[in-house]
Amino acid sequence: MTTEPGPDETVTAPLRISATGDASASGDSIAVSGGVTGGIHGPTTWLQQIGVFLPGSLRSRKTALVIVCLLALLLGGVALGAMTGTPPFGGADSDSGSGSDRAGEAPEDGGGTDASGAAAGGGTGDAGSGPAPTGGPEDDAPEDDASGGGGTEDGGGGTTTEAFHLSAPTLLTPGNDAVLDAYPRAITFTWQGVTGATDYRVEVECRCDGDWSSQVDEVTAATSHDTTWPDATEGRWRVTARTADDTSASDWWYFRYSLTLPAPVQVYPAHGSVFTHYPRTMTLDWDATPGAAGYYVEIDYYAFEQWNTLVQETTPDTGYTFDFIGAQPGRWRVTATTTDGALGASSDWWEFTYTQ
């Protein structure tokens, strides 16, 4: 049977404290070093075993003993943290730089040694006994990151802007492989303007005597150019857009000029006309043909079941007067001629009839 001690009585009992450090007790105090990992053991309760060292009533000793034990646990945890590099109560402090896991860790630039790592981590003397790290995470970065931003080949990491360059002009008229027959032979060359161009160089060449020879080589700020074409069949042209420090030329476009004059347009007498007047004097009439130097007039009469020649003459005029023979059918046509006497296209035959 256990007997409670009186207020003035002193009770002694064996004391055993299990911890990772050292513990000692005297009549008035308890000293603990290291971390407490176990408990307090004895034949009676721990309050009875330790309370005997505390003054006062049993109730007050119990309260004081609880406080002392809590302080001992706290001090033990601090001691244990100092030994292991772990903050009290297992809380990890990522900014403290301490802990056995970080002991000996090299700086990010990989220049730290084992000793400096141990000093920075606050670890024990054998901290950093493993191989020294060769560098931080940056050492494993891709090569293009180390080369300056992972950008394009120029190292700027941005989009490269190409220098401005003129576009070639788009040719319009005359079209490529065009056949021209207008007379007089005045040609208007046209093209689309080019953004940024200050002017255009126009080149026109003809195949004269078998070789290409220049007919036009001029500079203009406009997008068209007029020229008169010589007596040549083949031609070609191109346009070059220009600035002070840049040029861009179009392809050559070819054309062909028909040297054959068009057929004259007949006016009088109309096809199928019937005349009764006598004498049979008649004046033919037609429109002028551009480029014609003269006209070759043909008049036939119908007799003996065939057409027979009455007139074949050249005139510089656009009309011709003659006397028809017989009360019979007749026909006429006209052909334009060049300065060298070459014949162009002939008009159709228009027929007429005299009844007397």
Protein backbone atom coordinates (compact mmCIF):
# COMPACT_ATOMS: atom_id res chain seq x y z
CA MET A 1 0.00 0.00 0.00
CA THR A 2 1.38 3.37 -0.98
CA THR A 3 1.37 6.22 1.53
CA GLU A 4 1.27 9.86 0.43
CA PRO A 5 4.14 11.89 1.97
CA GLY A 6 3.38 14.82 4.13
CA PRO A 7 4.12 18.40 3.21
CA ASP A 8 7.40 18.43 4.99
CA GLU A 9 8.43 14.87 4.26
CA THR A 10 11.10 13.93 1.74
CA VAL A 11 10.64 10.88 -0.40
CA THR A 12 13.48 9.33 -2.35
CA ALA A 13 13.08 6.99 -5.25
CA PRO A 14 15.27 5.80 -8.06
CA LEU A 15 15.16 7.90 -11.26
CA ARG A 16 15.86 6.61 -14.77
CA ILE A 17 15.47 8.79 -17.88
CA SER A 18 15.99 7.28 -21.33
CA ALA A 19 17.16 9.75 -24.00
CA THR A 20 19.61 10.12 -26.82
CA GLY A 21 21.72 12.47 -24.67
CA ASP A 22 22.67 12.63 -20.99
CA ALA A 23 20.38 13.31 -17.99
CA SER A 24 21.14 14.06 -14.32
CA ALA A 25 19.02 15.02 -11.34
CA SER A 26 19.62 16.62 -7.97
CA GLY A 27 17.35 17.57 -5.15
CA ASP A 28 16.24 20.85 -6.75
CA SER A 29 16.67 20.41 -10.53
CA ILE A 30 16.78 18.14 -13.54
CA ALA A 31 19.40 18.55 -16.27
CA VAL A 32 18.85 17.01 -19.72
CA SER A 33 21.16 17.12 -22.72
CA GLY A 34 20.42 15.61 -26.11
CA GLY A 35 17.03 14.56 -27.37
CA VAL A 36 14.53 12.66 -25.26
CA THR A 37 13.30 9.64 -27.16
CA GLY A 38 12.05 7.47 -24.34
CA GLY A 39 10.21 7.96 -21.09
CA ILE A 40 10.68 7.88 -17.34
CA HIS A 41 10.45 4.52 -15.62
CA GLY A 42 10.08 3.47 -11.99
CA PRO A 43 8.11 1.28 -9.62
CA THR A 44 5.54 4.06 -9.11
CA THR A 45 4.15 6.70 -11.39
CA TRP A 46 6.56 9.18 -12.94
CA LEU A 47 4.94 11.99 -10.98
CA GLN A 48 5.79 10.24 -7.76
CA GLN A 49 9.32 9.49 -8.88
CA ILE A 50 10.20 13.00 -10.03
CA GLY A 51 7.85 15.02 -7.82
CA VAL A 52 9.85 14.22 -4.74
CA PHE A 53 12.52 16.60 -5.94
CA LEU A 54 10.12 19.51 -6.20
CA PRO A 55 9.05 21.64 -3.21
CA GLY A 56 5.45 22.35 -2.24
CA SER A 57 2.28 20.32 -1.95
CA LEU A 58 1.62 17.28 -4.03
CA ARG A 59 -0.75 19.16 -6.36
CA SER A 60 1.69 21.97 -6.98
CA ARG A 61 4.53 19.50 -7.50
CA LYS A 62 2.48 17.67 -10.11
CA THR A 63 1.81 20.88 -12.03
CA ALA A 64 5.43 21.96 -11.87
CA LEU A 65 6.57 18.51 -12.92
CA VAL A 66 4.41 18.61 -16.05
CA ILE A 67 5.92 21.94 -17.00
CA VAL A 68 9.44 20.66 -16.39
CA CYS A 69 8.83 17.59 -18.56
CA LEU A 70 7.46 19.67 -21.40
CA LEU A 71 10.53 21.89 -21.24
CA ALA A 72 12.72 18.81 -21.21
CA LEU A 73 11.02 17.46 -24.30
CA LEU A 74 11.46 20.80 -26.04
CA LEU A 75 15.12 21.03 -25.10
CA GLY A 76 15.65 17.45 -26.21
CA GLY A 77 14.11 18.20 -29.58
CA VAL A 78 16.36 21.23 -30.01
CA ALA A 79 19.40 19.18 -29.12
CA LEU A 80 18.38 16.45 -31.50
CA GLY A 81 17.88 19.02 -34.27
CA ALA A 82 21.34 20.45 -33.65
CA MET A 83 22.84 16.98 -33.95
CA THR A 84 20.99 15.92 -37.07
CA GLY A 85 20.65 19.27 -38.82
CA THR A 86 16.84 18.97 -38.66
CA PRO A 87 14.73 21.82 -37.23
CA PRO A 88 12.72 21.06 -34.09
CA PHE A 89 9.67 18.85 -34.52
CA GLY A 90 10.67 17.74 -38.02
CA GLY A 91 9.82 21.00 -39.83
CA ALA A 92 11.87 21.44 -43.01
CA ASP A 93 13.35 24.87 -43.61
CA SER A 94 14.19 25.17 -47.31
CA ASP A 95 15.90 28.56 -46.86
CA SER A 96 18.17 27.67 -43.89
CA GLY A 97 20.65 25.78 -46.00
CA SER A 98 21.20 23.25 -43.11
CA GLY A 99 20.54 19.54 -42.91
CA SER A 100 22.53 16.47 -43.63
CA ASP A 101 20.83 16.10 -47.00
CA ARG A 102 22.27 19.44 -48.11
CA ALA A 103 25.62 19.03 -46.39
CA GLY A 104 28.46 19.43 -48.80
CA GLU A 105 26.20 20.65 -51.59
CA ALA A 106 28.10 22.79 -54.01
CA PRO A 107 26.94 26.27 -55.09
CA GLU A 108 25.02 26.53 -58.32
CA ASP A 109 28.18 27.36 -60.21
CA GLY A 110 29.67 24.03 -59.14
CA GLY A 111 32.66 25.69 -57.49
CA GLY A 112 32.09 24.56 -53.86
CA THR A 113 34.29 22.02 -52.03
CA ASP A 114 33.35 19.41 -49.41
CA ALA A 115 34.59 21.59 -46.60
CA SER A 116 32.76 24.72 -47.69
CA GLY A 117 29.62 22.68 -48.22
CA ALA A 118 29.78 21.30 -44.71
CA ALA A 119 30.31 24.78 -43.29
CA ALA A 120 27.37 26.22 -45.20
CA GLY A 121 25.05 23.41 -44.15
CA GLY A 122 25.96 23.41 -40.50
CA GLY A 123 26.52 19.65 -40.62
CA THR A 124 28.96 17.42 -38.80
CA GLY A 125 32.57 16.96 -39.60
CA ASP A 126 31.94 14.17 -42.08
CA ALA A 127 29.39 16.18 -44.05
CA GLY A 128 30.20 16.23 -47.73
CA SER A 129 32.06 12.94 -47.52
CA GLY A 130 30.40 11.85 -50.76
CA PRO A 131 31.53 12.96 -54.20
CA ALA A 132 31.35 16.68 -54.68
CA PRO A 133 28.57 17.74 -57.09
CA THR A 134 29.83 19.00 -60.40
CA GLY A 135 27.32 21.76 -60.69
CA GLY A 136 23.78 22.96 -60.19
CA PRO A 137 20.73 22.29 -62.39
CA GLU A 138 22.04 24.82 -64.87
CA ASP A 139 24.79 22.41 -65.88
CA ASP A 140 22.15 20.09 -67.31
CA ALA A 141 20.47 22.80 -69.37
CA PRO A 142 20.21 22.22 -73.15
CA GLU A 143 23.07 23.61 -75.17
CA ASP A 144 20.90 26.09 -77.01
CA ASP A 145 19.90 27.67 -73.66
CA ALA A 146 23.55 28.21 -72.82
CA SER A 147 24.14 29.81 -76.19
CA GLY A 148 21.94 32.76 -75.37
CA GLY A 149 18.18 32.51 -75.36
CA GLY A 150 17.31 29.59 -77.63
CA GLY A 151 16.39 31.99 -80.42
CA THR A 152 17.07 31.87 -84.11
CA GLU A 153 20.55 31.42 -85.59
CA ASP A 154 21.28 35.12 -85.43
CA GLY A 155 21.21 34.89 -81.57
CA GLY A 156 18.54 37.55 -81.17
CA GLY A 157 15.72 35.15 -80.33
CA GLY A 158 13.31 37.13 -82.57
CA THR A 159 12.07 37.15 -86.15
CA THR A 160 14.55 38.33 -88.77
CA THR A 161 13.21 41.10 -91.03
CA GLU A 162 14.36 40.81 -94.63
CA ALA A 163 15.55 43.86 -96.50
CA PHE A 164 13.01 45.45 -98.86
CA HIS A 165 13.42 44.50 -102.53
CA LEU A 166 11.55 45.88 -105.53
CA SER A 167 9.15 43.64 -107.41
CA ALA A 168 9.41 43.26 -111.17
CA PRO A 169 6.83 45.29 -113.14
CA THR A 170 3.82 43.42 -114.53
CA LEU A 171 3.60 44.06 -118.28
CA LEU A 172 0.14 44.73 -119.75
CA THR A 173 0.06 45.70 -123.46
CA PRO A 174 0.98 44.63 -126.01
CA GLY A 175 0.65 41.11 -124.65
CA ASN A 176 3.27 38.45 -125.02
CA ASP A 177 3.23 36.99 -128.59
CA ALA A 178 0.69 39.62 -129.70
CA VAL A 179 0.10 40.19 -133.42
CA LEU A 180 -0.33 43.87 -134.30
CA ASP A 181 -1.71 45.28 -137.54
CA ALA A 182 -2.71 48.87 -136.75
CA TYR A 183 -1.49 51.52 -139.11
CA PRO A 184 0.25 53.86 -138.74
CA ARG A 185 2.38 51.62 -136.55
CA ALA A 186 2.11 53.56 -133.29
CA ILE A 187 2.44 51.28 -130.23
CA THR A 188 1.62 52.18 -126.64
CA PHE A 189 3.44 50.01 -124.10
CA THR A 190 1.75 49.83 -120.66
CA TRP A 191 2.58 48.13 -117.32
CA GLN A 192 1.51 48.15 -113.69
CA GLY A 193 3.30 50.43 -111.24
CA VAL A 194 5.60 48.93 -108.60
CA THR A 195 5.42 49.98 -104.94
CA GLY A 196 8.54 51.89 -103.97
CA ALA A 197 9.80 52.44 -107.53
CA THR A 198 10.95 55.97 -108.39
CA ASP A 199 11.03 55.47 -112.18
CA TYR A 200 11.11 52.85 -114.95
CA ARG A 201 13.51 52.01 -117.73
CA VAL A 202 11.70 51.03 -120.95
CA GLU A 203 13.51 48.92 -123.54
CA VAL A 204 12.07 48.08 -126.97
CA GLU A 205 14.00 46.13 -129.59
CA CYS A 206 13.28 44.98 -133.13
CA ARG A 207 14.78 42.13 -135.10
CA CYS A 208 16.18 44.16 -137.92
CA ASP A 209 18.39 42.45 -140.49
CA GLY A 210 18.35 39.28 -138.36
CA ASP A 211 19.74 40.84 -135.15
CA TRP A 212 18.05 42.47 -132.16
CA SER A 213 18.64 46.22 -132.22
CA SER A 214 17.43 48.87 -129.79
CA GLN A 215 14.52 51.08 -130.80
CA VAL A 216 13.69 52.56 -127.37
CA ASP A 217 15.84 52.84 -124.22
CA GLU A 218 14.36 55.57 -122.06
CA VAL A 219 13.54 56.33 -118.42
CA THR A 220 10.10 57.55 -117.37
CA ALA A 221 8.17 58.02 -114.14
CA ALA A 222 4.92 57.07 -115.92
CA THR A 223 3.54 53.56 -116.47
CA SER A 224 3.22 53.83 -120.26
CA HIS A 225 5.33 54.78 -123.25
CA ASP A 226 4.44 55.54 -126.91
CA THR A 227 6.64 54.74 -129.86
CA THR A 228 6.41 54.42 -133.65
CA TRP A 229 7.31 51.00 -134.99
CA PRO A 230 9.57 50.70 -138.06
CA ASP A 231 9.05 48.39 -141.03
CA ALA A 232 10.01 45.29 -139.08
CA THR A 233 8.10 42.13 -138.33
CA GLU A 234 9.38 41.03 -134.89
CA GLY A 235 9.80 43.02 -131.69
CA ARG A 236 10.24 42.60 -127.93
CA TRP A 237 10.04 44.82 -124.85
CA ARG A 238 10.62 44.88 -121.11
CA VAL A 239 10.47 47.34 -118.19
CA THR A 240 12.83 47.70 -115.20
CA ALA A 241 11.62 49.25 -111.91
CA ARG A 242 14.28 51.40 -110.27
CA THR A 243 15.22 53.15 -107.04
CA ALA A 244 18.48 54.84 -106.09
CA ASP A 245 19.97 51.52 -104.91
CA ASP A 246 17.77 48.76 -106.34
CA THR A 247 16.41 47.52 -109.69
CA SER A 248 14.04 44.75 -110.79
CA ALA A 249 13.43 43.88 -114.45
CA SER A 250 10.49 42.09 -116.04
CA ASP A 251 10.88 39.28 -118.56
CA TRP A 252 11.04 40.08 -122.27
CA TRP A 253 7.64 40.04 -124.00
CA TYR A 254 7.56 39.42 -127.74
CA PHE A 255 5.19 40.71 -130.42
CA ARG A 256 4.86 40.56 -134.16
CA TYR A 257 3.73 43.27 -136.52
CA SER A 258 1.80 42.36 -139.65
CA LEU A 259 3.20 44.42 -142.51
CA THR A 260 0.15 43.68 -144.68
CA LEU A 261 -2.15 46.67 -144.99
CA PRO A 262 -5.79 46.02 -144.17
CA ALA A 263 -8.39 45.91 -146.91
CA PRO A 264 -10.02 49.25 -147.82
CA VAL A 265 -13.66 49.75 -146.84
CA GLN A 266 -15.81 50.14 -149.98
CA VAL A 267 -18.52 52.81 -150.12
CA TYR A 268 -19.95 53.19 -153.64
CA PRO A 269 -21.45 51.59 -155.70
CA ALA A 270 -22.93 49.11 -153.24
CA HIS A 271 -22.98 45.43 -154.00
CA GLY A 272 -25.94 44.51 -156.28
CA SER A 273 -26.61 48.03 -157.60
CA VAL A 274 -28.51 48.40 -160.95
CA PHE A 275 -27.96 51.39 -163.27
CA THR A 276 -29.99 52.61 -166.28
CA HIS A 277 -28.20 55.83 -167.11
CA TYR A 278 -26.21 56.43 -170.24
CA PRO A 279 -23.41 57.16 -170.92
CA ARG A 280 -22.17 54.59 -168.39
CA THR A 281 -19.79 56.87 -166.46
CA MET A 282 -19.23 55.75 -162.86
CA THR A 283 -17.10 56.91 -159.90
CA LEU A 284 -15.99 54.32 -157.35
CA ASP A 285 -15.52 55.44 -153.73
CA TRP A 286 -13.89 53.87 -150.59
CA ASP A 287 -12.50 54.91 -147.25
CA ALA A 288 -8.83 55.65 -146.71
CA THR A 289 -6.69 52.84 -145.30
CA PRO A 290 -4.19 53.84 -142.54
CA GLY A 291 -0.63 53.49 -143.80
CA ALA A 292 -1.57 53.14 -147.44
CA ALA A 293 0.50 55.04 -149.96
CA GLY A 294 -1.93 54.30 -152.81
CA TYR A 295 -4.67 51.95 -154.04
CA TYR A 296 -4.79 49.33 -156.71
CA VAL A 297 -8.19 49.39 -158.48
CA GLU A 298 -9.63 46.40 -160.39
CA ILE A 299 -12.81 46.50 -162.58
CA ASP A 300 -14.19 43.53 -164.54
CA TYR A 301 -17.12 43.01 -166.91
CA TYR A 302 -19.01 39.77 -167.52
CA ALA A 303 -19.17 38.60 -171.15
CA PHE A 304 -18.94 35.34 -172.99
CA GLU A 305 -19.83 33.58 -169.72
CA GLN A 306 -16.74 34.75 -167.91
CA TRP A 307 -15.25 37.72 -166.06
CA ASN A 308 -12.92 39.88 -168.15
CA THR A 309 -10.51 42.62 -167.01
CA LEU A 310 -11.54 46.21 -167.78
CA VAL A 311 -9.32 48.30 -165.40
CA GLN A 312 -6.19 47.53 -163.35
CA GLU A 313 -4.65 50.79 -162.21
CA THR A 314 -3.02 52.44 -159.17
CA THR A 315 -4.22 55.75 -157.77
CA PRO A 316 -3.20 57.79 -154.72
CA ASP A 317 -6.84 58.87 -154.21
CA THR A 318 -9.76 57.19 -152.46
CA GLY A 319 -11.92 57.28 -155.61
CA TYR A 320 -11.72 56.30 -159.25
CA THR A 321 -13.86 57.44 -162.32
CA PHE A 322 -14.26 55.35 -165.47
CA ASP A 323 -16.68 54.50 -168.30
CA PHE A 324 -18.23 51.05 -168.23
CA ILE A 325 -18.79 49.13 -171.46
CA GLY A 326 -22.00 47.37 -172.51
CA ALA A 327 -25.35 46.68 -170.91
CA GLN A 328 -24.06 43.89 -168.78
CA PRO A 329 -22.87 42.95 -165.27
CA GLY A 330 -19.69 44.38 -163.77
CA ARG A 331 -17.70 44.13 -160.48
CA TRP A 332 -14.99 46.04 -158.65
CA ARG A 333 -12.54 45.83 -155.70
CA VAL A 334 -9.64 47.87 -154.32
CA THR A 335 -6.32 47.03 -152.60
CA ALA A 336 -4.12 49.33 -150.50
CA THR A 337 -0.43 49.60 -151.38
CA THR A 338 2.67 50.55 -149.38
CA THR A 339 5.32 53.10 -150.29
CA ASP A 340 7.41 50.37 -151.88
CA GLY A 341 4.44 49.14 -153.92
CA ALA A 342 3.64 46.08 -151.80
CA LEU A 343 0.00 45.08 -151.88
CA GLY A 344 -2.04 44.79 -148.74
CA ALA A 345 -5.29 42.92 -148.30
CA SER A 346 -7.91 43.31 -151.06
CA SER A 347 -11.55 44.20 -150.48
CA ASP A 348 -14.36 41.87 -151.58
CA TRP A 349 -15.72 41.98 -155.12
CA TRP A 350 -18.84 44.14 -155.33
CA GLU A 351 -21.06 43.57 -158.37
CA PHE A 352 -23.32 45.99 -160.30
CA THR A 353 -25.35 45.83 -163.52
CA TYR A 354 -26.05 48.20 -166.40
CA THR A 355 -29.29 47.58 -168.25
CA GLN A 356 -28.58 49.85 -171.21
